[in-house]
Amino acid sequence: MRIRKGIVVFVAYTWAALAQATSLPPSPAGIEPETVEALLDRDAPPATRDRAMQSLVASAQAGDGYAAFYLGALYRHGMDHPARRVERDVETARFWLEKCVASPRCPLVALASLAELELAAGNAKPAMQWGQAWVVLDRELEKRTRGPRPHDNTIDIPFRHTAYHAYLLDRCYKAMAPARDAESLGRAWFDELARTHGPQLDRMLFTALDEQSSGGSEGEDRPHLQIATEAQRTKTMGGDVRIPIGPSLGYFLYRGSPAGGRADGVWMIEALPNPAGARGLEAQARGVRTRPYTPAADGRRAYAYLPLTFNDGAYSLTPQR
C-alpha cells in the first residue's frame, strides 16, 4: 500500500454511516446501551458502575464480541480513558480484543485497536498484520455499502477513514526493523495472518455488511435515531476549536434527545490512536443533531454507535490525482 504525506490542506471530521442513509447506526444487540452508559459515565453511582462492569465481563466471557471490544478499549487506555475505570493492562487488553476477533460478532475497529496496542508495545509484526487487516476490511466494507455520493473527507480519495488508514500504516512501517523491501515483508506478514485468521476476518466483514444492510441489529421495540441534516456528514473545524493532534478516530455511545437536536449524552468507547490524539472529537460528537423521536413504551431512549473520523489532509494511501 502506497502512503503519501503532504501539506495540510484542510481540517474536517466525518461521522461514518451509510453514504445515503439518514439513520445513525444503532447500538449493537446484546448488552444494553444503558449498561454501557453506566460503565462509561464517571458520574454514575459506583455501585451502578460496578454492576455494569460485572455484566460486561459476563457477556464478554459468554462470547459477546462487542462487550469484549469495550473491555479491550478500557484496558488499552487505562486511566487515560475518559471512563477512568481500570488501570492500563496490555495483556488484559490484548486478551479481550483477540477474544472479540474470535467471536461471532466483532466490530472491524477492534483490528485497529489491536494494531495500536501492538505498536505501543513495540511489536511491529502483529501491529502491521492487524493494521493491514483493518484497512483492507474497512475499505472493502465502504466500497460495498456507499451510495452514488461517496464520502469525500480527503483531498484525493473518497474513503472516509483514508487519512487514519495511512497514518496507522505509516507508523507500522516505521516500527519495522530496516529491510531491503519493507512493502514485500509487510505483505508477507499480512498473508501469514490471512492464512491463520482468514475465516475470522471473513466473518467480521460479512457480519458488518449484514448489520449495515439491516440498518443495525438493535431491537425493533427501541426507537432509532435519524440525523437532522445531511450537511452534518462533513464539517470543517475552525481555528478556535480544540482539534485532534493528527488523523484519528473516535467511537462514541450517543444517546439522542426525544426533543431532537444535540445529544442527551455522549460517551467515548474507543479513541484511535489514543484519547490524547483524538482530543476534540467528543465535542464534535455532542454537536451531531438528530430529529425528534418518541421513546419506547417502557421509556427507553434511542442510542447510536457513532464513529467520527478526523482528517488533516496530510495522509493518503494513493497518489494525489
Protein backbone atom coordinates (compact mmCIF):
# COMPACT_ATOMS: atom_id res chain seq x y z
CA MET A 1 0.00 0.00 0.00
CA ARG A 2 1.42 3.35 -1.03
CA ILE A 3 1.41 6.11 1.56
CA ARG A 4 1.61 9.78 0.73
CA LYS A 5 2.25 12.60 3.17
CA GLY A 6 1.77 16.18 2.07
CA ILE A 7 0.87 19.67 3.11
CA VAL A 8 -2.12 20.11 5.39
CA VAL A 9 -4.93 21.49 3.24
CA PHE A 10 -7.99 21.46 5.48
CA VAL A 11 -9.34 20.12 8.74
CA ALA A 12 -12.58 18.18 8.77
CA TYR A 13 -14.40 15.39 10.53
CA THR A 14 -16.88 12.94 9.11
CA TRP A 15 -19.27 10.71 11.04
CA ALA A 16 -19.33 7.38 9.30
CA ALA A 17 -22.65 5.85 8.37
CA LEU A 18 -24.06 4.69 5.04
CA ALA A 19 -23.46 7.36 2.42
CA GLN A 20 -27.13 7.80 1.55
CA ALA A 21 -28.72 6.78 4.83
CA THR A 22 -30.44 9.14 7.24
CA SER A 23 -30.15 6.87 10.30
CA LEU A 24 -27.34 6.83 12.80
CA PRO A 25 -26.06 3.27 13.33
CA PRO A 26 -27.96 1.89 16.35
CA SER A 27 -26.11 0.44 19.31
CA PRO A 28 -25.31 -3.26 18.78
CA ALA A 29 -27.57 -6.02 20.00
CA GLY A 30 -26.51 -7.91 23.09
CA ILE A 31 -25.51 -5.87 26.09
CA GLU A 32 -27.95 -3.00 26.67
CA PRO A 33 -26.67 0.50 25.85
CA GLU A 34 -27.82 1.67 29.28
CA THR A 35 -25.31 -0.77 30.77
CA VAL A 36 -22.52 0.58 28.58
CA GLU A 37 -23.51 4.13 29.53
CA ALA A 38 -23.41 3.28 33.24
CA LEU A 39 -19.91 1.85 32.83
CA LEU A 40 -18.56 4.80 30.84
CA ASP A 41 -20.26 7.57 32.84
CA ARG A 42 -17.90 8.74 35.56
CA ASP A 43 -20.81 10.50 37.30
CA ALA A 44 -22.85 7.29 37.69
CA PRO A 45 -23.06 5.82 41.23
CA PRO A 46 -20.10 3.49 41.97
CA ALA A 47 -22.41 0.55 42.68
CA THR A 48 -24.13 1.04 39.33
CA ARG A 49 -20.78 1.14 37.54
CA ASP A 50 -19.64 -2.00 39.37
CA ARG A 51 -22.77 -3.88 38.25
CA ALA A 52 -22.24 -2.65 34.69
CA MET A 53 -18.65 -3.89 34.73
CA GLN A 54 -19.71 -7.29 36.04
CA SER A 55 -22.38 -7.54 33.34
CA LEU A 56 -19.91 -6.56 30.63
CA VAL A 57 -17.35 -9.15 31.75
CA ALA A 58 -20.01 -11.86 31.93
CA SER A 59 -21.24 -11.01 28.43
CA ALA A 60 -17.70 -10.98 27.04
CA GLN A 61 -16.89 -14.32 28.64
CA ALA A 62 -20.08 -15.73 27.10
CA GLY A 63 -18.89 -14.71 23.62
CA ASP A 64 -20.31 -11.20 23.11
CA GLY A 65 -17.72 -9.61 20.81
CA TYR A 66 -18.83 -6.04 21.42
CA ALA A 67 -18.54 -6.48 25.19
CA ALA A 68 -15.02 -7.85 24.70
CA PHE A 69 -14.20 -4.86 22.47
CA TYR A 70 -15.41 -2.41 25.13
CA LEU A 71 -13.26 -4.13 27.75
CA GLY A 72 -10.24 -4.20 25.44
CA ALA A 73 -10.55 -0.45 24.86
CA LEU A 74 -10.83 0.25 28.59
CA TYR A 75 -7.75 -1.80 29.46
CA ARG A 76 -5.76 -0.48 26.47
CA HIS A 77 -6.07 3.10 27.70
CA GLY A 78 -6.39 2.55 31.45
CA MET A 79 -6.81 5.79 33.36
CA ASP A 80 -6.26 7.77 30.16
CA HIS A 81 -9.70 6.59 29.03
CA PRO A 82 -12.38 9.17 29.89
CA ALA A 83 -14.24 6.49 31.87
CA ARG A 84 -11.23 6.09 34.20
CA ARG A 85 -12.48 2.66 35.17
CA VAL A 86 -9.43 0.35 35.18
CA GLU A 87 -5.65 0.57 35.21
CA ARG A 88 -3.89 0.09 31.91
CA ASP A 89 -3.03 -3.57 31.29
CA VAL A 90 -1.66 -4.52 27.87
CA GLU A 91 -2.05 -8.27 28.33
CA THR A 92 -5.66 -7.97 29.50
CA ALA A 93 -6.45 -5.58 26.66
CA ARG A 94 -4.91 -7.97 24.13
CA PHE A 95 -6.86 -10.89 25.62
CA TRP A 96 -10.22 -9.14 25.25
CA LEU A 97 -9.54 -7.70 21.81
CA GLU A 98 -8.38 -11.06 20.45
CA LYS A 99 -11.43 -12.67 22.06
CA CYS A 100 -13.54 -10.12 20.20
CA VAL A 101 -11.93 -11.07 16.87
CA ALA A 102 -12.65 -14.74 17.59
CA SER A 103 -16.31 -14.07 18.44
CA PRO A 104 -19.28 -14.32 16.04
CA ARG A 105 -19.81 -10.53 16.08
CA CYS A 106 -16.85 -8.18 16.42
CA PRO A 107 -16.61 -4.59 15.10
CA LEU A 108 -13.93 -4.08 12.48
CA VAL A 109 -12.39 -1.27 14.51
CA ALA A 110 -11.18 -3.85 17.03
CA LEU A 111 -8.47 -4.70 14.47
CA ALA A 112 -7.23 -1.10 14.57
CA SER A 113 -7.28 -1.22 18.37
CA LEU A 114 -5.07 -4.32 18.27
CA ALA A 115 -2.71 -2.62 15.82
CA GLU A 116 -2.37 0.42 18.08
CA LEU A 117 -1.86 -1.81 21.12
CA GLU A 118 0.97 -3.72 19.44
CA LEU A 119 2.54 -0.52 18.12
CA ALA A 120 2.64 0.94 21.62
CA ALA A 121 4.14 -2.34 22.88
CA GLY A 122 6.89 -2.23 20.23
CA ASN A 123 5.63 -5.29 18.36
CA ALA A 124 5.98 -4.32 14.71
CA LYS A 125 4.86 -7.58 13.08
CA PRO A 126 1.45 -8.02 14.77
CA ALA A 127 0.89 -4.26 14.55
CA MET A 128 1.38 -4.40 10.78
CA GLN A 129 -0.73 -7.54 10.47
CA TRP A 130 -3.72 -6.17 12.39
CA GLY A 131 -3.34 -2.74 10.83
CA GLN A 132 -3.41 -4.08 7.28
CA ALA A 133 -6.33 -6.34 8.12
CA TRP A 134 -8.36 -3.39 9.38
CA VAL A 135 -7.55 -1.20 6.38
CA VAL A 136 -8.41 -3.95 3.87
CA LEU A 137 -11.72 -4.87 5.55
CA ASP A 138 -12.78 -1.30 6.34
CA ARG A 139 -12.20 -0.16 2.77
CA GLU A 140 -13.99 -3.22 1.39
CA LEU A 141 -16.95 -2.52 3.67
CA GLU A 142 -17.18 1.05 2.44
CA LYS A 143 -16.84 0.07 -1.22
CA ARG A 144 -19.77 -2.32 -0.84
CA THR A 145 -22.06 -0.01 1.14
CA ARG A 146 -21.51 3.55 -0.03
CA GLY A 147 -24.04 5.11 -2.37
CA PRO A 148 -23.52 7.15 -5.55
CA ARG A 149 -22.19 10.08 -3.50
CA PRO A 150 -19.14 8.57 -1.70
CA HIS A 151 -17.51 10.12 1.33
CA ASP A 152 -15.04 12.83 0.38
CA ASN A 153 -13.14 13.77 3.50
CA THR A 154 -9.67 13.92 1.96
CA ILE A 155 -8.09 15.89 -0.82
CA ASP A 156 -7.71 12.98 -3.20
CA ILE A 157 -9.77 9.87 -2.48
CA PRO A 158 -13.34 9.27 -1.27
CA PHE A 159 -12.77 6.84 1.60
CA ARG A 160 -13.99 8.10 4.95
CA HIS A 161 -11.03 6.87 7.01
CA THR A 162 -8.22 7.14 4.45
CA ALA A 163 -6.12 9.61 6.46
CA TYR A 164 -6.10 7.44 9.57
CA HIS A 165 -5.61 4.30 7.43
CA ALA A 166 -2.41 5.83 6.05
CA TYR A 167 -1.33 7.31 9.38
CA LEU A 168 -1.61 3.92 11.08
CA LEU A 169 0.26 2.01 8.36
CA ASP A 170 2.93 4.70 8.12
CA ARG A 171 3.72 4.22 11.81
CA CYS A 172 3.66 0.44 11.37
CA TYR A 173 6.30 0.67 8.63
CA LYS A 174 8.42 2.99 10.77
CA ALA A 175 8.30 0.46 13.61
CA MET A 176 9.76 -2.29 11.41
CA ALA A 177 13.45 -3.12 11.53
CA PRO A 178 15.31 -1.90 8.42
CA ALA A 179 14.52 -4.18 5.47
CA ARG A 180 15.53 -4.19 1.80
CA ASP A 181 11.87 -4.36 0.71
CA ALA A 182 9.60 -3.32 3.58
CA GLU A 183 6.46 -3.45 1.43
CA SER A 184 7.10 -7.06 0.42
CA LEU A 185 7.78 -8.02 4.02
CA GLY A 186 4.60 -6.28 5.15
CA ARG A 187 2.58 -8.15 2.53
CA ALA A 188 4.15 -11.43 3.61
CA TRP A 189 3.16 -10.73 7.21
CA PHE A 190 -0.40 -9.97 6.14
CA ASP A 191 -0.57 -13.15 4.06
CA GLU A 192 0.51 -15.08 7.14
CA LEU A 193 -2.32 -13.52 9.18
CA ALA A 194 -4.80 -14.27 6.38
CA ARG A 195 -3.80 -17.94 6.48
CA THR A 196 -4.24 -18.23 10.25
CA HIS A 197 -7.22 -15.89 10.74
CA GLY A 198 -8.89 -15.86 7.31
CA PRO A 199 -12.24 -17.34 8.42
CA GLN A 200 -12.44 -14.92 11.36
CA LEU A 201 -11.68 -11.90 9.16
CA ASP A 202 -14.23 -13.00 6.56
CA ARG A 203 -16.86 -13.42 9.25
CA MET A 204 -16.14 -9.93 10.61
CA LEU A 205 -16.62 -8.38 7.17
CA PHE A 206 -19.82 -10.25 6.34
CA THR A 207 -21.28 -9.53 9.78
CA ALA A 208 -20.54 -5.83 9.28
CA LEU A 209 -22.19 -5.97 5.85
CA ASP A 210 -25.26 -7.67 7.34
CA GLU A 211 -25.53 -5.03 10.06
CA GLN A 212 -25.19 -2.20 7.52
CA SER A 213 -27.84 -3.64 5.18
CA SER A 214 -30.29 -4.26 8.01
CA GLY A 215 -29.82 -0.78 9.47
CA GLY A 216 -28.35 -2.19 12.66
CA SER A 217 -29.24 -5.02 14.99
CA GLU A 218 -30.97 -3.24 17.82
CA GLY A 219 -34.44 -4.49 18.70
CA GLU A 220 -37.45 -3.08 16.89
CA ASP A 221 -39.03 -2.05 20.22
CA ARG A 222 -36.41 0.68 20.67
CA PRO A 223 -36.60 3.86 18.54
CA HIS A 224 -33.87 4.63 16.02
CA LEU A 225 -32.18 7.98 15.57
CA GLN A 226 -32.37 9.99 12.37
CA ILE A 227 -29.82 12.67 11.59
CA ALA A 228 -31.31 16.14 11.24
CA THR A 229 -29.48 17.16 8.05
CA GLU A 230 -27.16 15.51 5.55
CA ALA A 231 -24.85 18.54 5.86
CA GLN A 232 -23.55 17.12 9.14
CA ARG A 233 -21.60 14.35 7.41
CA THR A 234 -18.55 16.55 6.87
CA LYS A 235 -17.63 19.61 8.88
CA THR A 236 -14.67 21.97 8.89
CA MET A 237 -13.32 22.69 12.36
CA GLY A 238 -12.29 26.30 12.89
CA GLY A 239 -9.04 27.50 14.40
CA ASP A 240 -10.64 28.28 17.76
CA VAL A 241 -11.81 24.68 18.20
CA ARG A 242 -9.82 22.06 20.10
CA ILE A 243 -8.78 19.65 17.35
CA PRO A 244 -7.08 16.24 17.33
CA ILE A 245 -3.30 16.11 17.09
CA GLY A 246 -3.41 14.20 13.79
CA PRO A 247 -5.55 11.72 11.83
CA SER A 248 -7.73 9.96 14.36
CA LEU A 249 -10.94 8.06 15.02
CA GLY A 250 -13.36 8.22 17.90
CA TYR A 251 -16.14 5.73 18.64
CA PHE A 252 -18.90 7.02 20.88
CA LEU A 253 -22.09 5.88 22.54
CA TYR A 254 -24.63 8.57 21.59
CA ARG A 255 -27.95 8.98 23.44
CA GLY A 256 -30.43 11.03 21.45
CA SER A 257 -32.83 13.58 22.90
CA PRO A 258 -36.55 12.86 22.29
CA ALA A 259 -36.92 16.56 21.51
CA GLY A 260 -34.29 16.30 18.77
CA GLY A 261 -31.22 18.47 18.34
CA ARG A 262 -28.00 17.85 20.19
CA ALA A 263 -27.27 14.65 22.12
CA ASP A 264 -28.63 13.98 25.59
CA GLY A 265 -25.30 12.32 26.33
CA VAL A 266 -22.13 11.16 24.59
CA TRP A 267 -19.52 8.75 25.98
CA MET A 268 -16.26 7.71 24.33
CA ILE A 269 -15.83 3.97 23.83
CA GLU A 270 -12.58 3.93 21.86
CA ALA A 271 -10.12 6.56 20.63
CA LEU A 272 -7.52 5.86 17.96
CA PRO A 273 -4.62 6.21 18.22
CA ASN A 274 -5.39 7.27 21.83
CA PRO A 275 -7.58 9.73 23.77
CA ALA A 276 -4.96 12.48 23.60
CA GLY A 277 -4.54 12.04 19.86
CA ALA A 278 -8.30 12.14 19.31
CA ARG A 279 -8.93 15.13 21.53
CA GLY A 280 -11.78 17.36 20.47
CA LEU A 281 -13.85 14.64 18.79
CA GLU A 282 -16.18 14.23 21.77
CA ALA A 283 -17.28 17.86 21.47
CA GLN A 284 -17.99 17.26 17.79
CA ALA A 285 -19.98 14.13 18.63
CA ARG A 286 -22.15 16.11 21.04
CA GLY A 287 -22.89 18.56 18.25
CA VAL A 288 -24.41 15.95 15.90
CA ARG A 289 -28.11 16.83 15.70
CA THR A 290 -30.91 14.31 15.34
CA ARG A 291 -34.63 14.50 14.65
CA PRO A 292 -37.26 14.22 17.43
CA TYR A 293 -38.49 10.74 18.30
CA THR A 294 -40.91 9.03 20.66
CA PRO A 295 -39.28 6.93 23.40
CA ALA A 296 -40.23 3.27 23.69
CA ALA A 297 -43.33 2.33 25.66
CA ASP A 298 -41.17 1.47 28.67
CA GLY A 299 -39.39 4.83 28.46
CA ARG A 300 -36.18 3.59 26.88
CA ARG A 301 -34.30 6.15 24.81
CA ALA A 302 -32.69 5.80 21.39
CA TYR A 303 -28.94 5.20 21.27
CA ALA A 304 -26.44 5.14 18.43
CA TYR A 305 -22.94 3.75 17.99
CA LEU A 306 -21.30 6.83 16.47
CA PRO A 307 -17.90 6.79 14.73
CA LEU A 308 -16.16 10.08 13.93
CA THR A 309 -13.05 10.42 11.84
CA PHE A 310 -10.67 13.39 11.72
CA ASN A 311 -8.55 14.19 8.69
CA ASP A 312 -5.94 16.93 8.42
CA GLY A 313 -5.27 16.36 4.72
CA ALA A 314 -1.71 15.17 5.20
CA TYR A 315 -2.02 11.42 4.70
CA SER A 316 -3.41 9.17 1.96
CA LEU A 317 -2.90 5.64 0.66
CA THR A 318 -2.86 6.68 -3.00
CA PRO A 319 -1.02 9.32 -5.02
CA GLN A 320 -2.79 12.64 -5.43
CA ARG A 321 -4.82 12.85 -8.63
